[in-house]
Protein backbone atom coordinates (compact mmCIF):
# COMPACT_ATOMS: atom_id res chain seq x y z
CA MET A 1 122.98 145.47 84.44
CA PRO A 2 120.41 142.68 84.75
CA ASN A 3 116.85 143.26 83.58
CA ARG A 4 113.71 142.06 85.36
CA LEU A 5 114.29 138.48 84.14
CA ALA A 6 117.11 138.11 86.69
CA SER A 7 114.48 136.89 89.17
CA ALA A 8 112.88 134.38 86.75
CA THR A 9 112.86 130.68 87.54
CA SER A 10 112.88 129.53 83.90
CA PRO A 11 116.35 128.54 82.60
CA TYR A 12 115.41 130.00 79.19
CA LEU A 13 114.42 133.36 80.65
CA LEU A 14 117.52 133.48 82.84
CA GLN A 15 119.65 133.25 79.65
CA HIS A 16 118.28 136.69 78.75
CA ALA A 17 118.63 138.37 82.14
CA GLN A 18 121.65 140.38 80.94
CA ASN A 19 120.08 141.53 77.64
CA PRO A 20 119.74 145.31 77.24
CA VAL A 21 115.99 144.81 76.71
CA ASP A 22 113.32 145.49 79.31
CA TRP A 23 111.83 141.99 79.04
CA TRP A 24 108.78 141.06 81.12
CA GLU A 25 107.61 137.57 81.99
CA TRP A 26 104.09 136.64 80.85
CA SER A 27 101.85 138.28 83.42
CA GLU A 28 98.79 140.43 83.83
CA GLU A 29 101.11 143.23 85.02
CA ALA A 30 102.99 143.15 81.71
CA PHE A 31 99.76 143.47 79.73
CA ALA A 32 98.44 146.20 82.03
CA GLU A 33 101.66 148.18 81.54
CA ALA A 34 101.42 147.80 77.76
CA ARG A 35 97.80 149.03 77.85
CA ARG A 36 98.72 151.93 80.12
CA ARG A 37 101.54 153.02 77.79
CA GLY A 38 99.65 152.23 74.56
CA LEU A 39 102.38 149.84 73.39
CA PRO A 40 102.13 146.56 71.48
CA VAL A 41 103.22 143.33 73.18
CA LEU A 42 106.07 141.57 71.38
CA LEU A 43 106.09 137.90 72.28
CA SER A 44 109.18 135.70 72.31
CA VAL A 45 108.26 132.09 71.61
CA GLY A 46 111.31 130.74 73.39
CA TYR A 47 113.84 130.25 70.59
CA SER A 48 117.00 128.57 71.82
CA SER A 49 119.77 126.67 70.08
CA CYS A 50 123.38 125.69 70.41
CA HIS A 51 125.88 128.42 71.27
CA TRP A 52 127.46 128.62 67.80
CA CYS A 53 124.12 128.66 65.99
CA HIS A 54 123.00 131.48 68.28
CA VAL A 55 126.24 133.46 67.81
CA THR A 56 126.15 133.00 64.03
CA ARG A 57 122.49 133.95 63.85
CA LEU A 58 123.08 137.14 65.84
CA THR A 59 126.18 138.02 63.82
CA LEU A 60 124.59 137.48 60.42
CA SER A 61 121.20 139.01 61.18
């Protein structure tokens, strides 16, 4: 089931549209929702690498 990144225009964000995480794009709405729920904002800095590096990193982590 795609998350809210399925409608993103960024190729990086689209790579994560099938993740089981409720990702939000950078927006005032995301920060307002975090404030409303009293949650911290966890920021992804856009890490991306080759397929095998990514698979190995996820497997070994």
